[in-house]
Each structure stands twice: as structure tokens, then as C-alpha cells.
Protein backbone atom coordinates (compact mmCIF):
# COMPACT_ATOMS: atom_id res chain seq x y z
CA UNK A 1 62.39 136.60 152.97
CA UNK A 2 61.68 133.12 152.77
CA UNK A 3 60.27 131.75 149.14
CA UNK A 4 57.81 128.74 149.12
CA UNK A 5 57.43 125.97 146.32
CA UNK A 6 55.80 122.97 145.46
CA UNK A 7 57.90 120.37 143.72
CA UNK A 8 56.44 118.09 141.23
CA UNK A 9 57.88 114.74 139.37
CA UNK A 10 60.40 115.63 142.21
CA UNK A 11 62.52 112.82 141.33
CA UNK A 12 65.31 112.56 144.28
CA UNK A 13 65.03 116.54 144.69
CA UNK A 14 67.71 117.84 142.65
CA UNK A 15 65.21 121.16 141.73
CA UNK A 16 64.84 121.62 146.06
CA UNK A 17 68.60 121.35 146.23
CA UNK A 18 68.96 123.84 143.56
CA UNK A 19 66.44 126.51 144.84
CA UNK A 20 68.47 126.20 148.06
CA UNK A 21 68.24 127.25 151.59
CA UNK A 22 66.13 130.50 151.25
CA UNK A 23 63.19 128.49 149.84
CA UNK A 24 60.86 126.13 151.80
CA UNK A 25 59.22 123.31 150.24
CA UNK A 26 55.64 122.98 151.10
CA UNK A 27 54.63 120.19 148.95
CA UNK A 28 56.57 117.24 146.91
CA UNK A 29 55.55 114.46 144.90
CA UNK A 30 56.84 111.47 142.50
CA UNK A 31 55.35 108.41 141.72
CA UNK A 32 58.27 106.58 141.47
CA UNK A 33 59.23 103.82 144.57
CA UNK A 34 62.89 104.19 144.06
CA UNK A 35 62.78 108.17 143.43
CA UNK A 36 60.72 108.82 146.62
CA UNK A 37 62.94 106.54 148.73
CA UNK A 38 65.64 108.49 147.41
CA UNK A 39 64.12 111.74 148.37
CA UNK A 40 62.94 110.94 151.61
CA UNK A 41 66.25 109.80 152.65
CA UNK A 42 67.87 113.12 152.04
CA UNK A 43 64.93 115.45 152.88
CA UNK A 44 62.50 113.26 154.95
CA UNK A 45 58.67 112.44 154.42
CA UNK A 46 57.19 115.37 155.92
CA UNK A 47 56.45 117.16 152.60
CA UNK A 48 56.56 114.13 150.19
CA UNK A 49 53.46 112.41 149.07
CA UNK A 50 54.03 109.61 146.95
CA UNK A 51 51.52 108.99 143.73
CA UNK A 52 50.25 109.54 140.45
CA UNK A 53 49.63 113.22 140.24
CA UNK A 54 46.42 112.65 138.26
CA UNK A 55 45.31 111.23 141.59
CA UNK A 56 45.97 114.79 143.44
CA UNK A 57 43.52 117.59 143.94
CA UNK A 58 44.30 120.90 145.15
CA UNK A 59 42.89 119.59 149.19
CA UNK A 60 46.05 117.92 148.96
CA UNK A 61 48.61 121.02 148.45
CA UNK A 62 48.96 122.74 151.77
CA UNK A 63 49.17 126.59 152.05
CA UNK A 64 49.79 128.38 148.82
CA UNK A 65 53.13 128.55 147.20
CA UNK A 66 55.42 131.20 145.47
CA UNK A 67 56.53 128.86 142.81
CA UNK A 68 55.18 125.33 141.17
CA UNK A 69 57.99 123.60 139.81
CA UNK A 70 57.71 120.53 137.54
CA UNK A 71 60.20 118.41 135.54
CA UNK A 72 57.45 115.93 134.10
CA UNK A 73 58.64 113.02 132.23
CA UNK A 74 60.49 113.36 129.26
CA UNK A 75 60.54 109.83 127.61
CA UNK A 76 57.77 110.37 124.73
CA UNK A 77 59.40 113.81 124.13
CA UNK A 78 63.10 112.76 123.59
CA UNK A 79 64.85 111.60 120.73
CA UNK A 80 64.98 107.72 122.07
CA UNK A 81 61.21 107.89 122.72
CA UNK A 82 58.67 106.68 120.19
CA UNK A 83 56.98 110.27 119.42
CA UNK A 84 54.02 110.18 121.34
CA UNK A 85 54.44 113.41 122.65
CA UNK A 86 52.02 114.64 125.13
CA UNK A 87 49.91 111.98 123.72
CA UNK A 88 51.98 109.34 125.40
CA UNK A 89 51.20 107.63 129.19
CA UNK A 90 54.18 109.50 130.41
CA UNK A 91 55.11 113.11 129.03
CA UNK A 92 51.15 113.20 128.95
CA UNK A 93 51.25 113.70 132.50
CA UNK A 94 51.56 117.09 132.07
CA UNK A 95 47.91 117.86 131.53
CA UNK A 96 47.09 116.70 135.04
CA UNK A 97 49.65 118.78 136.66
CA UNK A 98 48.09 121.43 134.87
CA UNK A 99 44.50 120.78 136.00
CA UNK A 100 46.33 120.58 139.44
CA UNK A 101 47.41 124.45 139.03
CA UNK A 102 44.10 125.56 137.43
CA UNK A 103 42.20 124.03 140.45
CA UNK A 104 44.76 126.05 142.65
CA UNK A 105 43.93 128.81 141.13
CA UNK A 106 39.98 128.09 141.57
CA UNK A 107 40.64 127.86 145.28
CA UNK A 108 42.39 131.42 144.97
CA UNK A 109 45.60 129.67 145.59
CA UNK A 110 47.29 130.27 142.27
CA UNK A 111 51.11 130.23 142.25
CA UNK A 112 53.01 133.39 141.41
CA UNK A 113 55.39 131.70 139.18
CA UNK A 114 55.81 128.21 137.31
CA UNK A 115 58.66 126.87 136.40
CA UNK A 116 58.34 123.77 133.76
CA UNK A 117 61.82 121.73 132.76
CA UNK A 118 62.04 119.18 130.22
CA UNK A 119 64.13 118.31 126.78
CA UNK A 120 64.46 120.52 124.07
CA UNK A 121 62.78 117.65 122.05
CA UNK A 122 59.66 119.32 123.21
CA UNK A 123 60.16 122.42 120.99
CA UNK A 124 59.94 119.76 117.77
CA UNK A 125 57.56 117.14 119.35
CA UNK A 126 54.33 116.41 116.90
CA UNK A 127 55.77 118.73 114.72
CA UNK A 128 55.73 121.52 117.36
CA UNK A 129 52.12 120.95 118.28
CA UNK A 130 53.09 120.34 121.92
CA UNK A 131 54.95 122.92 122.88
CA UNK A 132 52.27 125.48 121.44
CA UNK A 133 49.59 123.35 123.36
CA UNK A 134 51.43 123.92 126.47
CA UNK A 135 52.02 127.75 125.71
CA UNK A 136 48.31 128.26 125.18
CA UNK A 137 47.46 126.30 128.21
CA UNK A 138 49.71 128.66 130.39
CA UNK A 139 48.51 131.92 128.91
CA UNK A 140 44.80 131.08 129.03
CA UNK A 141 45.16 130.15 132.72
CA UNK A 142 46.27 133.84 133.65
CA UNK A 143 50.13 133.67 133.13
CA UNK A 144 52.80 135.46 130.99
CA UNK A 145 55.56 133.27 129.69
CA UNK A 146 58.82 132.93 128.26
CA UNK A 147 61.32 130.08 127.74
CA UNK A 148 65.07 129.81 127.38
CA UNK A 149 67.33 126.75 126.97
CA UNK A 150 70.20 126.35 129.49
CA UNK A 151 72.93 123.76 129.11
CA UNK A 152 74.54 122.15 131.98
CA UNK A 153 77.74 122.28 130.57
CA UNK A 154 77.98 126.10 131.31
CA UNK A 155 78.36 124.69 134.76
CA UNK A 156 79.46 120.93 135.16
CA UNK A 157 81.22 118.56 132.47
CA UNK A 158 78.02 117.41 130.99
CA UNK A 159 76.06 117.93 127.79
CA UNK A 160 72.83 118.55 129.31
CA UNK A 161 71.04 121.18 127.28
CA UNK A 162 67.02 121.45 128.76
CA UNK A 163 63.94 123.71 128.38
CA UNK A 164 63.08 126.00 130.92
CA UNK A 165 59.80 127.46 130.49
CA UNK A 166 58.93 130.33 133.21
CA UNK A 167 55.30 131.64 133.54
CA UNK A 168 54.50 134.41 136.15
CA UNK A 169 50.82 135.49 137.08
CA UNK A 170 49.52 138.15 134.67
CA UNK A 171 48.98 140.44 137.58
CA UNK A 172 52.29 140.73 138.64
CA UNK A 173 54.56 143.75 137.59
CA UNK A 174 57.78 142.31 136.44
CA UNK A 175 60.80 144.14 136.87
CA UNK A 176 62.19 145.69 133.90
CA UNK A 177 65.90 144.30 134.44
CA UNK A 178 64.89 140.73 133.79
CA UNK A 179 62.96 141.24 130.43
CA UNK A 180 64.90 141.62 126.96
CA UNK A 181 63.30 143.07 123.77
CA UNK A 182 64.33 140.41 121.89
CA UNK A 183 65.89 136.55 122.35
CA UNK A 184 69.28 136.66 123.72
CA UNK A 185 71.31 134.20 121.95
CA UNK A 186 73.22 132.24 124.72
CA UNK A 187 69.61 131.14 126.10
CA UNK A 188 68.01 130.82 122.80
CA UNK A 189 68.59 127.99 120.03
CA UNK A 190 66.75 128.05 116.61
CA UNK A 191 63.98 125.59 117.74
CA UNK A 192 62.93 127.97 120.34
CA UNK A 193 63.12 130.60 117.92
CA UNK A 194 60.99 128.77 115.47
CA UNK A 195 58.68 127.30 118.27
CA UNK A 196 57.88 130.76 119.37
CA UNK A 197 57.23 131.83 115.97
CA UNK A 198 54.33 129.37 115.41
CA UNK A 199 52.73 130.08 118.90
CA UNK A 200 48.99 130.79 118.92
CA UNK A 201 47.36 134.16 119.82
CA UNK A 202 47.06 134.26 123.64
CA UNK A 203 50.52 132.58 124.18
CA UNK A 204 52.23 135.12 121.78
CA UNK A 205 50.57 138.32 123.42
CA UNK A 206 51.70 137.01 126.71
CA UNK A 207 55.05 136.21 125.78
CA UNK A 208 58.43 137.47 127.53
CA UNK A 209 62.04 137.23 126.24
CA UNK A 210 63.56 136.65 129.72
CA UNK A 211 67.29 138.50 130.61
CA UNK A 212 70.08 136.54 132.41
CA UNK A 213 73.98 137.64 132.18
CA UNK A 214 75.91 134.51 130.83
CA UNK A 215 77.85 132.58 133.64
CA UNK A 216 80.98 133.62 134.19
CA UNK A 217 82.97 130.90 135.96
CA UNK A 218 84.23 128.04 134.23
CA UNK A 219 82.99 124.47 135.04
CA UNK A 220 84.98 122.00 136.37
CA UNK A 221 86.88 119.47 134.10
CA UNK A 222 85.65 116.32 133.91
CA UNK A 223 89.15 114.94 135.21
CA UNK A 224 88.01 116.36 138.46
CA UNK A 225 85.05 114.24 138.95
CA UNK A 226 86.29 111.05 137.77
CA UNK A 227 87.83 108.55 140.64
CA UNK A 228 90.62 106.57 139.47
CA UNK A 229 90.06 103.86 141.95
CA UNK A 230 85.88 104.06 142.14
CA UNK A 231 84.95 100.85 139.81
CA UNK A 232 86.35 98.09 138.40
CA UNK A 233 88.22 98.62 134.95
CA UNK A 234 87.05 96.45 132.07
CA UNK A 235 89.67 93.71 131.22
CA UNK A 236 91.86 94.66 127.91
CA UNK A 237 89.84 92.14 125.83
CA UNK A 238 86.55 94.18 126.92
CA UNK A 239 88.21 97.77 126.16
CA UNK A 240 89.14 96.08 122.64
CA UNK A 241 85.67 94.80 122.31
CA UNK A 242 84.32 98.59 122.65
CA UNK A 243 87.22 100.18 120.74
CA UNK A 244 86.32 97.82 118.00
CA UNK A 245 82.74 99.24 117.58
CA UNK A 246 83.85 102.52 116.49
CA UNK A 247 84.35 103.95 113.23
CA UNK A 248 87.43 105.76 111.85
CA UNK A 249 86.56 108.92 113.03
CA UNK A 250 86.39 107.67 116.58
CA UNK A 251 89.42 105.37 116.52
CA UNK A 252 91.51 108.44 115.26
CA UNK A 253 90.22 110.53 118.51
CA UNK A 254 91.40 107.64 120.67
CA UNK A 255 94.97 107.33 118.95
CA UNK A 256 95.15 111.00 119.15
CA UNK A 257 94.52 110.92 122.96
CA UNK A 258 96.91 108.04 123.65
CA UNK A 259 99.67 109.85 121.76
CA UNK A 260 98.98 113.14 123.89
CA UNK A 261 99.25 111.39 127.23
CA UNK A 262 102.68 110.52 126.32
CA UNK A 263 103.59 114.14 127.03
CA UNK A 264 101.03 115.00 129.31
CA UNK A 265 101.39 115.19 133.20
CA UNK A 266 98.28 113.85 133.74
CA UNK A 267 95.50 111.21 132.51
CA UNK A 268 93.82 112.40 129.62
CA UNK A 269 89.98 111.52 130.60
CA UNK A 270 87.02 111.23 127.76
CA UNK A 271 83.96 109.34 127.53
CA UNK A 272 82.45 106.65 124.99
CA UNK A 273 78.61 106.32 124.49
CA UNK A 274 77.53 103.29 122.84
CA UNK A 275 74.64 104.23 119.91
CA UNK A 276 72.69 102.58 117.33
CA UNK A 277 73.38 104.27 114.06
CA UNK A 278 72.33 103.27 110.17
CA UNK A 279 75.23 102.51 107.91
CA UNK A 280 75.75 103.44 104.60
CA UNK A 281 74.13 100.45 103.47
CA UNK A 282 71.17 101.47 105.65
CA UNK A 283 71.61 98.56 108.22
CA UNK A 284 71.41 99.57 111.85
CA UNK A 285 74.55 98.95 113.90
CA UNK A 286 75.87 99.67 117.35
CA UNK A 287 78.61 102.23 117.14
CA UNK A 288 80.74 103.45 120.14
CA UNK A 289 81.63 107.39 120.00
CA UNK A 290 84.19 108.82 121.60
CA UNK A 291 84.79 112.49 122.81
CA UNK A 292 87.86 113.88 124.72
CA UNK A 293 86.82 117.82 124.83
CA UNK A 294 86.48 117.72 128.90
CA UNK A 295 82.78 117.29 128.64
CA UNK A 296 80.61 113.86 129.45
CA UNK A 297 77.73 113.23 127.20
CA UNK A 298 74.49 113.65 128.25
CA UNK A 299 73.52 111.37 131.31
CA UNK A 300 70.41 109.16 130.64
CA UNK A 301 68.25 106.36 132.29
CA UNK A 302 69.93 102.98 132.59
CA UNK A 303 66.91 101.38 130.58
CA UNK A 304 69.69 99.10 128.49
CA UNK A 305 73.54 98.93 128.34
CA UNK A 306 73.76 101.59 125.54
CA UNK A 307 72.58 104.20 128.09
CA UNK A 308 75.45 103.36 130.55
CA UNK A 309 78.17 106.07 129.55
CA UNK A 310 81.78 104.67 129.63
CA UNK A 311 84.97 106.36 131.15
CA UNK A 312 87.91 106.23 129.08
CA UNK A 313 91.54 107.08 130.32
CA UNK A 314 94.94 107.69 127.85
CA UNK A 315 97.64 107.55 130.31
CA UNK A 316 101.22 107.12 129.85
CA UNK A 317 100.72 105.91 126.11
CA UNK A 318 97.80 102.98 127.62
CA UNK A 319 93.91 103.12 127.41
CA UNK A 320 91.85 102.20 130.14
CA UNK A 321 87.92 101.97 130.00
CA UNK A 322 84.78 101.30 132.67
CA UNK A 323 81.62 102.06 133.44
CA UNK A 324 80.78 105.62 134.96
CA UNK A 325 80.38 105.32 138.64
CA UNK A 326 77.04 105.93 140.34
CA UNK A 327 78.81 108.59 142.40
CA UNK A 328 80.51 110.20 139.43
CA UNK A 329 76.94 110.24 137.54
CA UNK A 330 76.19 112.31 140.50
CA UNK A 331 78.79 114.91 140.29
CA UNK A 332 77.77 115.44 136.92
CA UNK A 333 74.49 116.52 138.34
CA UNK A 334 76.24 118.52 140.88
CA UNK A 335 74.75 116.95 143.86
CA UNK A 336 77.00 116.81 147.11
CA UNK A 337 79.40 114.22 147.86
CA UNK A 338 76.88 113.53 151.24
CA UNK A 339 73.68 112.98 149.07
CA UNK A 340 72.39 109.55 149.82
CA UNK A 341 72.22 107.52 146.75
CA UNK A 342 70.52 103.99 146.22
CA UNK A 343 72.42 101.15 146.93
CA UNK A 344 72.03 99.56 143.47
CA UNK A 345 74.18 101.09 140.44
CA UNK A 346 71.53 101.01 138.09
CA UNK A 347 68.93 102.74 140.47
CA UNK A 348 71.27 105.19 141.41
CA UNK A 349 72.06 105.81 137.61
CA UNK A 350 68.64 105.91 137.12
CA UNK A 351 68.25 108.76 139.84
CA UNK A 352 70.77 110.83 138.79
CA UNK A 353 70.01 110.47 134.81
CA UNK A 354 66.90 111.06 135.20
CA UNK A 355 66.95 114.57 137.17
CA UNK A 356 67.59 118.41 136.73
CA UNK A 357 71.28 119.61 136.93
CA UNK A 358 71.63 121.25 140.26
CA UNK A 359 73.88 124.25 139.48
CA UNK A 360 71.75 125.01 136.94
CA UNK A 361 68.63 125.46 139.01
CA UNK A 362 70.37 127.55 141.65
CA UNK A 363 71.48 130.16 138.49
CA UNK A 364 68.22 130.36 137.14
CA UNK A 365 66.83 131.15 140.97
CA UNK A 366 69.55 133.57 141.50
CA UNK A 367 69.10 135.53 138.46
CA UNK A 368 65.35 134.93 137.56
CA UNK A 369 63.22 133.36 140.17
CA UNK A 370 64.27 135.10 143.02
CA UNK A 371 64.57 138.75 141.53
CA UNK A 372 61.27 138.07 139.99
CA UNK A 373 59.14 137.06 143.52
CA UNK A 374 61.49 139.71 145.44
CA UNK A 375 59.72 142.41 143.07
CA UNK A 376 56.30 141.26 143.70
CA UNK A 377 56.67 140.98 147.19
CA UNK A 378 54.28 143.64 148.13
CA UNK A 379 51.74 142.15 146.17
CA UNK A 380 49.16 140.17 147.89
CA UNK A 381 50.92 136.70 148.14
CA UNK A 382 49.19 133.38 147.58
CA UNK A 383 49.03 132.59 151.04
CA UNK A 384 47.15 135.75 152.05
CA UNK A 385 44.86 135.55 149.18
CA UNK A 386 44.34 131.97 150.38
CA UNK A 387 43.71 132.88 153.99
CA UNK A 388 41.31 135.44 152.75
CA UNK A 389 39.09 133.26 150.88
CA UNK A 390 36.17 131.25 151.64
CA UNK A 391 38.16 128.01 151.40
CA UNK A 392 41.26 129.69 153.32
CA UNK A 393 38.76 130.93 156.15
CA UNK A 394 37.19 127.60 156.58
CA UNK A 395 40.99 125.58 156.88
CA UNK A 396 41.86 128.00 159.44
CA UNK A 397 38.28 127.47 161.55
CA UNK A 398 39.02 123.43 161.19
CA UNK A 399 42.69 124.31 162.50
CA UNK A 400 41.49 126.31 165.49
């Protein structure tokens, strides 16, 4: 059975890729011109409408979808933001998105399920008030809801924990196999448990702890996605300058990797991030931090040089560094090799760093969304309800 979806804040279409061939996109939207160009280069422009979600109304969305997916902007919620939360111009776009879902409900086209993805900073934004506000809005619109934290590191060599809030229409029967009696440790961090404890009456009464099995396959190693000839390596003095930004702990990490490479059959691959840290004297300084645990740091959008991750390779007692390439960033998000990236490095890195990891979406679809929607297939579909409604009948007459 085919399943249908709307994709809001679609970016380059990574949620669409993750949902897979069984799913049919009815509508996709994003305001960013570069992301829109990437989306249409890969999927065509038939379903895509570029523009501000606040300017959409229910009439812009065709038919009725089983799922509405929304990866709304995270900048005002993340550690790198200024703490504006849902009051911010970017993360605040959740509210016009949700008003659109409510408008679909008024037109008898309520999606069966809603999936919302964002940074885990949403759990703490403005003292937890933003997560509570979202949960209450969803519950008061006639949905049951639950949340989990999924780290892309379960599937890819990238540390990328993200919050996934899954809501289902309260008139639908949820199969017992995907409901847990309590929070599952693998999918719940302390911040989520604390946020749940602070929920208001409506959201608390409609809360679900979702049940999913843990991934069984190990993710590929970081070395598997690195192309030794993909980009220009830094000159020795550039590498030395980067190493000079490290404190003693991280210099020891690099030295240990260099020593280990002398006895290794292949290169030892790690990554370096430049971050601003406050030293023991209270002075903000730029620092370089290395990791050699086989997992890259979380990709970010390249607003500045510190956001661009550096590859560090120890081989035969030597150390080399360079920026992560655009294609390597795409691999860290689970994008296929034939995925068309923007020509400019910064644009391609932005598309990758501001997306949702493809295999995470696939796992969520296979083990939660599809079982949920398959179990409710005998219920009246959103499309049938819409056709039966006055709005649907009028649309059908106009089509004839």
C-alpha cells in the first residue's frame, strides 16, 4: 500500500529519501533558494513550492496525506543560537506550520500522523517552555504524541543526536507492539525525561512512549567515507597552525594517533573542530579539538570557518589535515553517491549540514511510521474524508 506525505522545511529532500519508494510525496516546501534548487535537481519540481510556510494555506496542499513531516529551523534552539527559541524569526516558523496543520483539520484533511524533527536543544529552550508549548499545541489539536532521541551514530559515522516527535490522530487505534509502558533507555535522554515530567495536562494525558528495537548493524567506519584524494591537503604550516590551537589533552590524542599509525596497516582517520572556549582566566579563545573514535563530529551549516569540520589522517608516523569535502559531508548524512549537490562547496556543505540523516528516517519509517499507518489502513483515510467533505466534493466537481 502506498503511503503519502507532505514535506515541510524540506531542504534538499533528505526526509523524502529516507521514507523511500513506498512513500509518495504530495507536496514539498522550503524558503531557501539553494536548498530548493538542490531539491528540484534531484526530485523535479512537480510537488515542490518554494516560499515562506507562513504564506501557505490549506488550498495550496493537494489531497490529504497520511504523514506531515517537518524539520523546522533549529538556529534559535541550538547551542550556537542566541536563545530566542520559538520566539525567534527562524525557529518560530513552527507556529505557521502548525496553523497549517490545523487548517487541514478544519477542511477534514487532518494527516494521520505528524513527524517533527529538531535539535535536542528544543527540550531545554527557554527553560523547557518551548517543548511544552509545542506538545500542548499538538495535543489540543486532537493528536496523541510521543518523542525519542535518535543519534545518527547508530547508522553513520557521525555524532548527530536529534529529537523526533511523532504524533498520531487520537481517533486511530495504535498497535500495541509499538507502544512501550515506559521510556526506552536507548531512545530517551535525561533531558527528554525531564521535559516529559514538565508537560501540561493535555499533552501529559495524550503522551505515548514509542517502542522501537535498537539497530542491529554497526555503522560504517569513518575511514570508509574519506577519499584520500578528494580535496587539497593543508600545507605543513597550516596543519601546524591548527595543532597549535589545541590544548594538551588534544595534542596527546594526535600524538597517540601518530604513534599508532606506525604499527597500523592503514591510515588512522579522525576529525578536528575549531570551537570557542573560555580559558581558566575567563578569556574566550579559539581551540581545535580532535577525535579519533571513528565518528565525526556533528555537521553544521558553514556560517563561519569554525563550522567546517577538518579531516585529520595519521599514516606511517605523519599527520595530514584538510577540510571535509562536500561529497564526504553528503556521505555522513547517508546521501547516495548519485545525489546531485550544489556546485559551490559552501552551498553543498550547507545543504548537508542542515538536513536530517537519511538512514535515521528510513529506520523510523520502517519500525514506527509504517507499522502505525499500516495498522490504521482500515480506518477512513484522510483522502477519503476529504473527498467526502464539502471541500472535497467541490474540488472534484471543479476537476470534472
